[in-house]
Amino acid sequence: MKFAGLAMVLLIAGGFGVTAESVIQLTDQMGNVVEIPQPVERFASVYGIGTYFAYALGVDDRLVKGWYIGVKSLGQASEAMYRLEPRLPDLLSSGDPNIEEMVATGATLIFVDGARHAGFAEQMSDLGVAVIQFMVESPDALLEAMQLAATAFGEGAIERAHVFAADFHRVLARISADIQEASPLEAPRVLFLGTDPLTVSSGDMYQSWMIEAAGGIHVSSELTGYWNEVNLEQILLWDPEIIVIPPYGPVQPASLLGNPDWQAISAIRNGRVHRMPRVIAPMDTPVPESLLGIVWLAELLHPEVVGFNLEEEMERFYAYYYSYELSATEMETLLSQ
């Protein structure tokens, strides 16, 4: 795996030998060259996906303010979120970032969403704060983003990013090998819904890649952009064999299975409507936990073929990357389909 723009340059400021004013230089995912004073002791993440990178890389103790995908208020935070991050009431933010409030945190580095926060990033850069802009909607981009984030924090984080990349490739290789060994194997048609029954994922989204990596056919892959609104007639034409609901929003399997208007769809007739589980971050988004989302999907689509020990994968992931011990109830939820 190549990580473009990750050549790290050590700059020595005003003297002979390494000083506390050493700086690393990297190129972020929007093509910006970023100079980051070392060491980074205080940082913030306006990027709701990128905040979880901090936990997986073991640098969450340096986080002073964070946006968390799927958690816009303390009322939305699960018990698991509080167990992961006891400081959540002090760290959690949402909405548009405020320049003055961000400066007041004393953060010397900020993670931002390259698609949404270009103006904010420019303003913070003008104030002398290092900003890494991320753009993640593919597995390669996720691995690059993890390596970028790790580079800013040094050796320990870089090693964890390498372990994550190795885990990612191991999982994909195992799924691919299991499916190929079972050839000929028919790939099921899968529809991935959003927070409304008539909102579906497009072929540009991370969910599309996850379905294909798990050995499925993403029926709405010809759509572009972000979430798309469609009508029931279109879903009937796709006739998905499996419907997957994300681990957020109000849609539940029972509401679709009991809807008389949906009964002509294969997935409904066969009871194949499944809500993706969630412990901390939504597994269908390009967060570190999406590694588990791929395993879960592969087991869902090809239970007789894919040979993972799902419980073992779950336990190892949360223990290593999040220092989090799953409860019996959480494990039961993760293993249920």
C-alpha atoms as a PDB file:
ATOM      1  CA  MET A   1       0.000   0.000   0.000  1.00  0.00           C
ATOM      2  CA  LYS A   2       1.408   3.384  -1.014  1.00  0.00           C
ATOM      3  CA  PHE A   3       0.612   6.428   1.067  1.00  0.00           C
ATOM      4  CA  ALA A   4       1.143   9.371  -1.266  1.00  0.00           C
ATOM      5  CA  GLY A   5       2.444  12.521   0.327  1.00  0.00           C
ATOM      6  CA  LEU A   6       3.620  10.899   3.530  1.00  0.00           C
ATOM      7  CA  ALA A   7       7.312  11.579   3.141  1.00  0.00           C
ATOM      8  CA  MET A   8       8.200  13.013   6.534  1.00  0.00           C
ATOM      9  CA  VAL A   9      10.776  15.775   6.714  1.00  0.00           C
ATOM     10  CA  LEU A  10      12.464  16.819   9.963  1.00  0.00           C
ATOM     11  CA  LEU A  11      13.179  20.529  10.012  1.00  0.00           C
ATOM     12  CA  ILE A  12      15.581  21.990  12.539  1.00  0.00           C
ATOM     13  CA  ALA A  13      14.780  25.521  13.572  1.00  0.00           C
ATOM     14  CA  GLY A  14      17.654  27.882  14.243  1.00  0.00           C
ATOM     15  CA  GLY A  15      20.439  25.709  15.533  1.00  0.00           C
ATOM     16  CA  PHE A  16      22.604  22.665  15.512  1.00  0.00           C
ATOM     17  CA  GLY A  17      20.814  19.371  16.210  1.00  0.00           C
ATOM     18  CA  VAL A  18      17.245  18.510  17.128  1.00  0.00           C
ATOM     19  CA  THR A  19      15.417  20.982  19.342  1.00  0.00           C
ATOM     20  CA  ALA A  20      11.952  21.310  20.834  1.00  0.00           C
ATOM     21  CA  GLU A  21      11.145  23.376  17.755  1.00  0.00           C
ATOM     22  CA  SER A  22      11.415  20.413  15.375  1.00  0.00           C
ATOM     23  CA  VAL A  23       8.654  20.230  12.807  1.00  0.00           C
ATOM     24  CA  ILE A  24       7.383  17.457  10.567  1.00  0.00           C
ATOM     25  CA  GLN A  25       6.019  18.166   7.121  1.00  0.00           C
ATOM     26  CA  LEU A  26       3.367  16.126   5.337  1.00  0.00           C
ATOM     27  CA  THR A  27       0.852  16.495   2.533  1.00  0.00           C
ATOM     28  CA  ASP A  28      -2.776  16.017   3.539  1.00  0.00           C
ATOM     29  CA  GLN A  29      -5.544  14.421   1.495  1.00  0.00           C
ATOM     30  CA  MET A  30      -6.492  17.722  -0.110  1.00  0.00           C
ATOM     31  CA  GLY A  31      -2.935  18.270  -1.361  1.00  0.00           C
ATOM     32  CA  ASN A  32      -1.948  20.846   1.247  1.00  0.00           C
ATOM     33  CA  VAL A  33       1.570  20.804   2.654  1.00  0.00           C
ATOM     34  CA  VAL A  34       1.248  20.947   6.446  1.00  0.00           C
ATOM     35  CA  GLU A  35       4.011  21.722   8.942  1.00  0.00           C
ATOM     36  CA  ILE A  36       3.334  20.336  12.406  1.00  0.00           C
ATOM     37  CA  PRO A  37       5.439  21.415  15.411  1.00  0.00           C
ATOM     38  CA  GLN A  38       6.561  18.487  17.544  1.00  0.00           C
ATOM     39  CA  PRO A  39       5.507  17.074  19.841  1.00  0.00           C
ATOM     40  CA  VAL A  40       1.732  17.466  19.525  1.00  0.00           C
ATOM     41  CA  GLU A  41       0.432  17.672  23.083  1.00  0.00           C
ATOM     42  CA  ARG A  42      -2.999  19.192  22.433  1.00  0.00           C
ATOM     43  CA  PHE A  43      -5.132  18.636  19.351  1.00  0.00           C
ATOM     44  CA  ALA A  44      -8.760  18.909  18.274  1.00  0.00           C
ATOM     45  CA  SER A  45     -10.820  17.057  15.707  1.00  0.00           C
ATOM     46  CA  VAL A  46     -13.626  18.811  13.847  1.00  0.00           C
ATOM     47  CA  TYR A  47     -13.804  15.744  11.585  1.00  0.00           C
ATOM     48  CA  GLY A  48     -16.365  13.402  13.160  1.00  0.00           C
ATOM     49  CA  ILE A  49     -14.819  10.347  11.507  1.00  0.00           C
ATOM     50  CA  GLY A  50     -11.242  11.357  12.239  1.00  0.00           C
ATOM     51  CA  THR A  51     -11.886  11.752  15.960  1.00  0.00           C
ATOM     52  CA  TYR A  52     -12.000   7.966  16.222  1.00  0.00           C
ATOM     53  CA  PHE A  53      -8.552   7.763  14.633  1.00  0.00           C
ATOM     54  CA  ALA A  54      -7.210   9.245  17.871  1.00  0.00           C
ATOM     55  CA  TYR A  55      -8.527   6.326  19.923  1.00  0.00           C
ATOM     56  CA  ALA A  56      -7.330   3.669  17.498  1.00  0.00           C
ATOM     57  CA  LEU A  57      -3.878   5.271  17.410  1.00  0.00           C
ATOM     58  CA  GLY A  58      -3.640   5.613  21.182  1.00  0.00           C
ATOM     59  CA  VAL A  59      -3.384   9.412  21.286  1.00  0.00           C
ATOM     60  CA  ASP A  60      -6.851  10.223  22.634  1.00  0.00           C
ATOM     61  CA  ASP A  61      -5.303  11.546  25.864  1.00  0.00           C
ATOM     62  CA  ARG A  62      -4.112  14.564  23.827  1.00  0.00           C
ATOM     63  CA  LEU A  63      -7.596  15.340  22.465  1.00  0.00           C
ATOM     64  CA  VAL A  64      -9.001  18.618  23.830  1.00  0.00           C
ATOM     65  CA  LYS A  65     -12.116  19.012  21.664  1.00  0.00           C
ATOM     66  CA  GLY A  66     -13.876  16.543  19.378  1.00  0.00           C
ATOM     67  CA  TRP A  67     -16.719  16.126  16.941  1.00  0.00           C
ATOM     68  CA  TYR A  68     -17.961  12.483  16.898  1.00  0.00           C
ATOM     69  CA  ILE A  69     -19.855  11.018  13.958  1.00  0.00           C
ATOM     70  CA  GLY A  70     -23.221   9.779  15.157  1.00  0.00           C
ATOM     71  CA  VAL A  71     -23.089  11.767  18.413  1.00  0.00           C
ATOM     72  CA  LYS A  72     -24.230  15.381  18.127  1.00  0.00           C
ATOM     73  CA  SER A  73     -25.246  15.807  21.760  1.00  0.00           C
ATOM     74  CA  LEU A  74     -24.670  14.137  25.107  1.00  0.00           C
ATOM     75  CA  GLY A  75     -28.217  12.830  24.911  1.00  0.00           C
ATOM     76  CA  GLN A  76     -27.243  10.774  21.852  1.00  0.00           C
ATOM     77  CA  ALA A  77     -24.169   9.302  23.529  1.00  0.00           C
ATOM     78  CA  SER A  78     -24.422   5.641  24.471  1.00  0.00           C
ATOM     79  CA  GLU A  79     -23.133   4.070  27.652  1.00  0.00           C
ATOM     80  CA  ALA A  80     -20.311   2.634  25.534  1.00  0.00           C
ATOM     81  CA  MET A  81     -19.263   6.151  24.488  1.00  0.00           C
ATOM     82  CA  TYR A  82     -18.991   7.226  28.114  1.00  0.00           C
ATOM     83  CA  ARG A  83     -16.995   4.096  28.942  1.00  0.00           C
ATOM     84  CA  LEU A  84     -14.658   4.797  26.050  1.00  0.00           C
ATOM     85  CA  GLU A  85     -14.345   8.497  26.834  1.00  0.00           C
ATOM     86  CA  PRO A  86     -15.188   9.578  30.412  1.00  0.00           C
ATOM     87  CA  ARG A  87     -14.261  13.147  29.435  1.00  0.00           C
ATOM     88  CA  LEU A  88     -17.014  13.273  26.801  1.00  0.00           C
ATOM     89  CA  PRO A  89     -19.008  16.099  28.479  1.00  0.00           C
ATOM     90  CA  ASP A  90     -15.932  18.324  28.241  1.00  0.00           C
ATOM     91  CA  LEU A  91     -14.806  17.229  24.765  1.00  0.00           C
ATOM     92  CA  LEU A  92     -17.991  16.864  22.727  1.00  0.00           C
ATOM     93  CA  SER A  93     -18.858  19.548  20.191  1.00  0.00           C
ATOM     94  CA  SER A  94     -21.074  19.661  17.110  1.00  0.00           C
ATOM     95  CA  GLY A  95     -22.183  22.017  14.378  1.00  0.00           C
ATOM     96  CA  ASP A  96     -19.939  24.577  12.730  1.00  0.00           C
ATOM     97  CA  PRO A  97     -16.625  25.082  14.522  1.00  0.00           C
ATOM     98  CA  ASN A  98     -16.021  28.436  16.195  1.00  0.00           C
ATOM     99  CA  ILE A  99     -12.651  30.081  15.606  1.00  0.00           C
ATOM    100  CA  GLU A 100     -12.386  31.783  19.014  1.00  0.00           C
ATOM    101  CA  GLU A 101     -13.421  28.666  20.912  1.00  0.00           C
ATOM    102  CA  MET A 102     -10.939  26.567  18.989  1.00  0.00           C
ATOM    103  CA  VAL A 103      -8.095  28.974  19.662  1.00  0.00           C
ATOM    104  CA  ALA A 104      -8.997  28.922  23.359  1.00  0.00           C
ATOM    105  CA  THR A 105      -8.409  25.151  23.512  1.00  0.00           C
ATOM    106  CA  GLY A 106      -4.700  25.667  22.875  1.00  0.00           C
ATOM    107  CA  ALA A 107      -4.708  22.955  20.200  1.00  0.00           C
ATOM    108  CA  THR A 108      -1.628  23.035  17.959  1.00  0.00           C
ATOM    109  CA  LEU A 109      -3.150  20.569  15.474  1.00  0.00           C
ATOM    110  CA  ILE A 110      -6.688  20.160  14.138  1.00  0.00           C
ATOM    111  CA  PHE A 111      -8.271  17.377  12.048  1.00  0.00           C
ATOM    112  CA  VAL A 112     -10.921  18.685   9.624  1.00  0.00           C
ATOM    113  CA  ASP A 113     -13.212  17.390   6.885  1.00  0.00           C
ATOM    114  CA  GLY A 114     -11.704  18.468   3.571  1.00  0.00           C
ATOM    115  CA  ALA A 115     -15.149  18.541   1.936  1.00  0.00           C
ATOM    116  CA  ARG A 116     -16.754  20.836   4.523  1.00  0.00           C
ATOM    117  CA  HIS A 117     -14.178  22.856   6.413  1.00  0.00           C
ATOM    118  CA  ALA A 118     -11.857  24.436   3.845  1.00  0.00           C
ATOM    119  CA  GLY A 119     -12.648  27.964   5.031  1.00  0.00           C
ATOM    120  CA  PHE A 120     -12.210  27.083   8.686  1.00  0.00           C
ATOM    121  CA  ALA A 121      -8.954  25.279   7.882  1.00  0.00           C
ATOM    122  CA  GLU A 122      -7.600  28.351   6.100  1.00  0.00           C
ATOM    123  CA  GLN A 123      -8.486  30.625   8.996  1.00  0.00           C
ATOM    124  CA  MET A 124      -6.835  28.362  11.552  1.00  0.00           C
ATOM    125  CA  SER A 125      -3.756  27.986   9.369  1.00  0.00           C
ATOM    126  CA  ASP A 126      -3.512  31.785   9.136  1.00  0.00           C
ATOM    127  CA  LEU A 127      -3.496  31.831  12.946  1.00  0.00           C
ATOM    128  CA  GLY A 128      -0.531  29.468  12.990  1.00  0.00           C
ATOM    129  CA  VAL A 129      -2.391  26.266  13.876  1.00  0.00           C
ATOM    130  CA  ALA A 130      -1.529  23.141  11.872  1.00  0.00           C
ATOM    131  CA  VAL A 131      -4.542  21.647  10.090  1.00  0.00           C
ATOM    132  CA  ILE A 132      -4.816  18.241   8.404  1.00  0.00           C
ATOM    133  CA  GLN A 133      -7.683  17.993   5.924  1.00  0.00           C
ATOM    134  CA  PHE A 134      -9.060  14.496   5.352  1.00  0.00           C
ATOM    135  CA  MET A 135     -11.139  13.102   2.485  1.00  0.00           C
ATOM    136  CA  VAL A 136     -12.139   9.510   3.203  1.00  0.00           C
ATOM    137  CA  GLU A 137     -14.694   7.535   1.187  1.00  0.00           C
ATOM    138  CA  SER A 138     -12.668   4.480   0.168  1.00  0.00           C
ATOM    139  CA  PRO A 139     -10.525   1.843   1.925  1.00  0.00           C
ATOM    140  CA  ASP A 140      -7.311   3.214   0.447  1.00  0.00           C
ATOM    141  CA  ALA A 141      -8.239   6.687   1.655  1.00  0.00           C
ATOM    142  CA  LEU A 142      -9.000   5.337   5.145  1.00  0.00           C
ATOM    143  CA  LEU A 143      -5.611   3.632   5.401  1.00  0.00           C
ATOM    144  CA  GLU A 144      -3.886   6.753   4.109  1.00  0.00           C
ATOM    145  CA  ALA A 145      -5.814   8.902   6.592  1.00  0.00           C
ATOM    146  CA  MET A 146      -4.813   6.669   9.492  1.00  0.00           C
ATOM    147  CA  GLN A 147      -1.174   6.865   8.418  1.00  0.00           C
ATOM    148  CA  LEU A 148      -1.373  10.644   8.023  1.00  0.00           C
ATOM    149  CA  ALA A 149      -2.858  11.060  11.485  1.00  0.00           C
ATOM    150  CA  ALA A 150      -0.253   8.724  12.961  1.00  0.00           C
ATOM    151  CA  THR A 151       2.610  10.584  11.321  1.00  0.00           C
ATOM    152  CA  ALA A 152       1.629  13.709  13.222  1.00  0.00           C
ATOM    153  CA  PHE A 153       2.029  11.909  16.563  1.00  0.00           C
ATOM    154  CA  GLY A 154       5.171   9.884  16.093  1.00  0.00           C
ATOM    155  CA  GLU A 155       6.499   6.379  16.525  1.00  0.00           C
ATOM    156  CA  GLY A 156       3.894   4.741  18.772  1.00  0.00           C
ATOM    157  CA  ALA A 157       0.965   5.942  16.675  1.00  0.00           C
ATOM    158  CA  ILE A 158       2.734   5.012  13.449  1.00  0.00           C
ATOM    159  CA  GLU A 159       3.214   1.449  14.671  1.00  0.00           C
ATOM    160  CA  ARG A 160      -0.495   1.158  15.503  1.00  0.00           C
ATOM    161  CA  ALA A 161      -1.400   2.480  12.045  1.00  0.00           C
ATOM    162  CA  HIS A 162       0.789  -0.227  10.511  1.00  0.00           C
ATOM    163  CA  VAL A 163      -0.950  -2.887  12.618  1.00  0.00           C
ATOM    164  CA  PHE A 164      -4.336  -1.547  11.492  1.00  0.00           C
ATOM    165  CA  ALA A 165      -3.312  -1.676   7.824  1.00  0.00           C
ATOM    166  CA  ALA A 166      -2.108  -5.259   8.285  1.00  0.00           C
ATOM    167  CA  ASP A 167      -5.408  -6.205   9.939  1.00  0.00           C
ATOM    168  CA  PHE A 168      -7.350  -4.541   7.141  1.00  0.00           C
ATOM    169  CA  HIS A 169      -5.496  -6.429   4.420  1.00  0.00           C
ATOM    170  CA  ARG A 170      -5.750  -9.693   6.376  1.00  0.00           C
ATOM    171  CA  VAL A 171      -9.521  -9.407   6.640  1.00  0.00           C
ATOM    172  CA  LEU A 172      -9.997  -8.546   2.963  1.00  0.00           C
ATOM    173  CA  ALA A 173      -7.680 -11.338   1.841  1.00  0.00           C
ATOM    174  CA  ARG A 174      -9.482 -13.900   4.014  1.00  0.00           C
ATOM    175  CA  ILE A 175     -12.925 -12.919   2.721  1.00  0.00           C
ATOM    176  CA  SER A 176     -11.743 -12.986  -0.888  1.00  0.00           C
ATOM    177  CA  ALA A 177     -10.045 -16.367  -0.462  1.00  0.00           C
ATOM    178  CA  ASP A 178     -13.064 -17.927   1.269  1.00  0.00           C
ATOM    179  CA  ILE A 179     -15.430 -16.733  -1.444  1.00  0.00           C
ATOM    180  CA  GLN A 180     -13.147 -17.846  -4.283  1.00  0.00           C
ATOM    181  CA  GLU A 181     -12.686 -21.295  -2.755  1.00  0.00           C
ATOM    182  CA  ALA A 182     -16.459 -21.733  -2.686  1.00  0.00           C
ATOM    183  CA  SER A 183     -16.809 -20.885  -6.383  1.00  0.00           C
ATOM    184  CA  PRO A 184     -19.191 -20.858  -8.098  1.00  0.00           C
ATOM    185  CA  LEU A 185     -20.852 -18.663  -5.478  1.00  0.00           C
ATOM    186  CA  GLU A 186     -23.736 -16.369  -6.314  1.00  0.00           C
ATOM    187  CA  ALA A 187     -23.342 -12.852  -4.965  1.00  0.00           C
ATOM    188  CA  PRO A 188     -26.563 -11.690  -3.269  1.00  0.00           C
ATOM    189  CA  ARG A 189     -28.178  -8.401  -4.285  1.00  0.00           C
ATOM    190  CA  VAL A 190     -27.917  -5.981  -1.357  1.00  0.00           C
ATOM    191  CA  LEU A 191     -29.677  -2.685  -0.694  1.00  0.00           C
ATOM    192  CA  PHE A 192     -28.198  -0.382   1.953  1.00  0.00           C
ATOM    193  CA  LEU A 193     -30.743   2.062   3.344  1.00  0.00           C
ATOM    194  CA  GLY A 194     -30.222   5.391   5.078  1.00  0.00           C
ATOM    195  CA  THR A 195     -32.243   6.983   7.870  1.00  0.00           C
ATOM    196  CA  ASP A 196     -35.397   6.748   5.758  1.00  0.00           C
ATOM    197  CA  PRO A 197     -36.724   3.636   4.001  1.00  0.00           C
ATOM    198  CA  LEU A 198     -36.625   5.422   0.645  1.00  0.00           C
ATOM    199  CA  THR A 199     -33.110   6.815   1.075  1.00  0.00           C
ATOM    200  CA  VAL A 200     -30.345   4.592  -0.292  1.00  0.00           C
ATOM    201  CA  SER A 201     -26.562   4.666  -0.505  1.00  0.00           C
ATOM    202  CA  SER A 202     -24.863   5.527  -3.789  1.00  0.00           C
ATOM    203  CA  GLY A 203     -21.994   3.829  -5.582  1.00  0.00           C
ATOM    204  CA  ASP A 204     -19.667   6.637  -4.469  1.00  0.00           C
ATOM    205  CA  MET A 205     -20.116   5.848  -0.789  1.00  0.00           C
ATOM    206  CA  TYR A 206     -18.069   3.710   1.559  1.00  0.00           C
ATOM    207  CA  GLN A 207     -21.048   1.398   2.097  1.00  0.00           C
ATOM    208  CA  SER A 208     -20.941   0.393  -1.575  1.00  0.00           C
ATOM    209  CA  TRP A 209     -17.346  -0.737  -1.293  1.00  0.00           C
ATOM    210  CA  MET A 210     -18.121  -2.636   1.925  1.00  0.00           C
ATOM    211  CA  ILE A 211     -20.899  -4.613   0.254  1.00  0.00           C
ATOM    212  CA  GLU A 212     -18.685  -5.558  -2.672  1.00  0.00           C
ATOM    213  CA  ALA A 213     -15.765  -6.470  -0.387  1.00  0.00           C
ATOM    214  CA  ALA A 214     -18.114  -8.727   1.576  1.00  0.00           C
ATOM    215  CA  GLY A 215     -19.127 -10.578  -1.588  1.00  0.00           C
ATOM    216  CA  GLY A 216     -22.374  -8.816  -2.459  1.00  0.00           C
ATOM    217  CA  ILE A 217     -23.816  -6.801  -5.339  1.00  0.00           C
ATOM    218  CA  HIS A 218     -24.743  -3.247  -4.371  1.00  0.00           C
ATOM    219  CA  VAL A 219     -28.021  -2.733  -6.236  1.00  0.00           C
ATOM    220  CA  SER A 220     -27.900   1.079  -6.100  1.00  0.00           C
ATOM    221  CA  SER A 221     -24.266   1.342  -7.185  1.00  0.00           C
ATOM    222  CA  GLU A 222     -25.177   3.240 -10.345  1.00  0.00           C
ATOM    223  CA  LEU A 223     -26.292   6.205  -8.223  1.00  0.00           C
ATOM    224  CA  THR A 224     -23.783   8.949  -7.496  1.00  0.00           C
ATOM    225  CA  GLY A 225     -23.137  11.450  -4.751  1.00  0.00           C
ATOM    226  CA  TYR A 226     -24.264  10.866  -1.207  1.00  0.00           C
ATOM    227  CA  TRP A 227     -27.583   9.440   0.053  1.00  0.00           C
ATOM    228  CA  ASN A 228     -30.189   9.333  -2.736  1.00  0.00           C
ATOM    229  CA  GLU A 229     -33.963   9.526  -2.420  1.00  0.00           C
ATOM    230  CA  VAL A 230     -35.769   6.920  -4.519  1.00  0.00           C
ATOM    231  CA  ASN A 231     -39.323   5.599  -4.813  1.00  0.00           C
ATOM    232  CA  LEU A 232     -40.645   2.174  -3.909  1.00  0.00           C
ATOM    233  CA  GLU A 233     -41.037   1.284  -7.579  1.00  0.00           C
ATOM    234  CA  GLN A 234     -37.276   1.570  -8.024  1.00  0.00           C
ATOM    235  CA  ILE A 235     -36.628  -0.676  -5.022  1.00  0.00           C
ATOM    236  CA  LEU A 236     -39.077  -3.205  -6.478  1.00  0.00           C
ATOM    237  CA  LEU A 237     -37.125  -3.142  -9.746  1.00  0.00           C
ATOM    238  CA  TRP A 238     -33.849  -3.745  -7.887  1.00  0.00           C
ATOM    239  CA  ASP A 239     -35.554  -6.518  -5.892  1.00  0.00           C
ATOM    240  CA  PRO A 240     -32.761  -6.861  -3.306  1.00  0.00           C
ATOM    241  CA  GLU A 241     -32.287 -10.232  -1.657  1.00  0.00           C
ATOM    242  CA  ILE A 242     -30.868  -8.616   1.490  1.00  0.00           C
ATOM    243  CA  ILE A 243     -31.593  -5.191   2.962  1.00  0.00           C
ATOM    244  CA  VAL A 244     -29.151  -3.662   5.439  1.00  0.00           C
ATOM    245  CA  ILE A 245     -30.127  -0.799   7.741  1.00  0.00           C
ATOM    246  CA  PRO A 246     -27.411   1.407   9.264  1.00  0.00           C
ATOM    247  CA  PRO A 247     -26.908   1.469  13.054  1.00  0.00           C
ATOM    248  CA  TYR A 248     -28.450   4.941  13.338  1.00  0.00           C
ATOM    249  CA  GLY A 249     -31.760   6.545  12.475  1.00  0.00           C
ATOM    250  CA  PRO A 250     -35.308   5.353  13.217  1.00  0.00           C
ATOM    251  CA  VAL A 251     -35.659   2.588  10.591  1.00  0.00           C
ATOM    252  CA  GLN A 252     -36.014  -0.883  12.097  1.00  0.00           C
ATOM    253  CA  PRO A 253     -36.312  -4.283  10.375  1.00  0.00           C
ATOM    254  CA  ALA A 254     -39.802  -4.846  11.806  1.00  0.00           C
ATOM    255  CA  SER A 255     -41.132  -1.653  10.236  1.00  0.00           C
ATOM    256  CA  LEU A 256     -40.149  -2.890   6.772  1.00  0.00           C
ATOM    257  CA  LEU A 257     -41.021  -6.546   7.276  1.00  0.00           C
ATOM    258  CA  GLY A 258     -44.514  -5.577   8.411  1.00  0.00           C
ATOM    259  CA  ASN A 259     -45.132  -2.996   5.681  1.00  0.00           C
ATOM    260  CA  PRO A 260     -47.676  -4.401   3.162  1.00  0.00           C
ATOM    261  CA  ASP A 261     -46.287  -2.198   0.363  1.00  0.00           C
ATOM    262  CA  TRP A 262     -42.902  -3.940   0.564  1.00  0.00           C
ATOM    263  CA  GLN A 263     -44.059  -7.565   0.497  1.00  0.00           C
ATOM    264  CA  ALA A 264     -43.186  -8.162  -3.176  1.00  0.00           C
ATOM    265  CA  ILE A 265     -39.473  -7.615  -2.449  1.00  0.00           C
ATOM    266  CA  SER A 266     -37.387 -10.778  -2.074  1.00  0.00           C
ATOM    267  CA  ALA A 267     -35.617  -9.564   1.080  1.00  0.00           C
ATOM    268  CA  ILE A 268     -38.958  -8.923   2.778  1.00  0.00           C
ATOM    269  CA  ARG A 269     -40.520 -12.232   1.757  1.00  0.00           C
ATOM    270  CA  ASN A 270     -37.496 -14.119   3.098  1.00  0.00           C
ATOM    271  CA  GLY A 271     -37.043 -12.061   6.268  1.00  0.00           C
ATOM    272  CA  ARG A 272     -33.601 -10.826   5.189  1.00  0.00           C
ATOM    273  CA  VAL A 273     -33.669  -7.322   6.656  1.00  0.00           C
ATOM    274  CA  HIS A 274     -30.812  -6.660   9.058  1.00  0.00           C
ATOM    275  CA  ARG A 275     -29.723  -3.671  11.116  1.00  0.00           C
ATOM    276  CA  MET A 276     -25.964  -3.328  11.393  1.00  0.00           C
ATOM    277  CA  PRO A 277     -24.834  -3.471  15.048  1.00  0.00           C
ATOM    278  CA  ARG A 278     -23.026  -0.659  16.809  1.00  0.00           C
ATOM    279  CA  VAL A 279     -20.923  -0.357  19.917  1.00  0.00           C
ATOM    280  CA  ILE A 280     -19.117   2.969  19.572  1.00  0.00           C
ATOM    281  CA  ALA A 281     -18.871   4.425  16.042  1.00  0.00           C
ATOM    282  CA  PRO A 282     -21.198   3.518  13.132  1.00  0.00           C
ATOM    283  CA  MET A 283     -19.492   0.567  11.402  1.00  0.00           C
ATOM    284  CA  ASP A 284     -20.786   1.527   7.948  1.00  0.00           C
ATOM    285  CA  THR A 285     -18.710   4.715   7.906  1.00  0.00           C
ATOM    286  CA  PRO A 286     -14.951   4.952   7.181  1.00  0.00           C
ATOM    287  CA  VAL A 287     -13.954   4.748  10.841  1.00  0.00           C
ATOM    288  CA  PRO A 288     -11.565   2.099  12.212  1.00  0.00           C
ATOM    289  CA  GLU A 289     -14.562  -0.008  13.294  1.00  0.00           C
ATOM    290  CA  SER A 290     -15.557  -0.420   9.644  1.00  0.00           C
ATOM    291  CA  LEU A 291     -13.066  -3.283   9.684  1.00  0.00           C
ATOM    292  CA  LEU A 292     -15.582  -5.118  11.879  1.00  0.00           C
ATOM    293  CA  GLY A 293     -18.422  -3.953   9.651  1.00  0.00           C
ATOM    294  CA  ILE A 294     -16.845  -5.759   6.692  1.00  0.00           C
ATOM    295  CA  VAL A 295     -16.477  -8.975   8.720  1.00  0.00           C
ATOM    296  CA  TRP A 296     -20.086  -8.687   9.914  1.00  0.00           C
ATOM    297  CA  LEU A 297     -21.352  -8.121   6.365  1.00  0.00           C
ATOM    298  CA  ALA A 298     -19.349 -11.023   4.948  1.00  0.00           C
ATOM    299  CA  GLU A 299     -20.749 -13.350   7.604  1.00  0.00           C
ATOM    300  CA  LEU A 300     -24.248 -12.021   6.867  1.00  0.00           C
ATOM    301  CA  LEU A 301     -23.983 -12.506   3.101  1.00  0.00           C
ATOM    302  CA  HIS A 302     -22.092 -15.809   3.110  1.00  0.00           C
ATOM    303  CA  PRO A 303     -22.517 -17.487   6.514  1.00  0.00           C
ATOM    304  CA  GLU A 304     -21.646 -20.960   5.234  1.00  0.00           C
ATOM    305  CA  VAL A 305     -18.509 -19.821   3.442  1.00  0.00           C
ATOM    306  CA  VAL A 306     -16.711 -17.052   5.327  1.00  0.00           C
ATOM    307  CA  GLY A 307     -14.702 -18.620   8.121  1.00  0.00           C
ATOM    308  CA  PHE A 308     -14.074 -15.845  10.626  1.00  0.00           C
ATOM    309  CA  ASN A 309     -14.402 -16.269  14.358  1.00  0.00           C
ATOM    310  CA  LEU A 310     -16.514 -13.139  14.658  1.00  0.00           C
ATOM    311  CA  GLU A 311     -16.452 -13.083  18.454  1.00  0.00           C
ATOM    312  CA  GLU A 312     -12.673 -13.316  18.503  1.00  0.00           C
ATOM    313  CA  GLU A 313     -12.314 -10.537  15.925  1.00  0.00           C
ATOM    314  CA  MET A 314     -14.630  -8.276  17.912  1.00  0.00           C
ATOM    315  CA  GLU A 315     -12.890  -8.872  21.233  1.00  0.00           C
ATOM    316  CA  ARG A 316      -9.426  -8.329  19.773  1.00  0.00           C
ATOM    317  CA  PHE A 317     -10.369  -5.152  17.919  1.00  0.00           C
ATOM    318  CA  TYR A 318     -11.914  -3.346  20.870  1.00  0.00           C
ATOM    319  CA  ALA A 319      -9.246  -4.480  23.317  1.00  0.00           C
ATOM    320  CA  TYR A 320      -6.293  -3.498  21.114  1.00  0.00           C
ATOM    321  CA  TYR A 321      -7.511  -0.365  19.347  1.00  0.00           C
ATOM    322  CA  TYR A 322      -9.873   1.127  21.939  1.00  0.00           C
ATOM    323  CA  SER A 323      -8.674  -0.484  25.201  1.00  0.00           C
ATOM    324  CA  TYR A 324     -12.332  -1.396  25.614  1.00  0.00           C
ATOM    325  CA  GLU A 325     -13.706  -4.640  27.048  1.00  0.00           C
ATOM    326  CA  LEU A 326     -16.972  -5.710  25.464  1.00  0.00           C
ATOM    327  CA  SER A 327     -19.775  -6.643  27.836  1.00  0.00           C
ATOM    328  CA  ALA A 328     -21.714  -9.878  27.367  1.00  0.00           C
ATOM    329  CA  THR A 329     -24.718  -7.860  26.160  1.00  0.00           C
ATOM    330  CA  GLU A 330     -22.640  -5.944  23.630  1.00  0.00           C
ATOM    331  CA  MET A 331     -21.121  -9.145  22.297  1.00  0.00           C
ATOM    332  CA  GLU A 332     -24.538 -10.747  21.967  1.00  0.00           C
ATOM    333  CA  THR A 333     -25.752  -7.737  19.992  1.00  0.00           C
ATOM    334  CA  LEU A 334     -22.728  -7.789  17.719  1.00  0.00           C
ATOM    335  CA  LEU A 335     -23.116 -11.477  16.971  1.00  0.00           C
ATOM    336  CA  SER A 336     -26.850 -11.309  16.305  1.00  0.00           C
ATOM    337  CA  GLN A 337     -28.067 -10.828  12.744  1.00  0.00           C
END
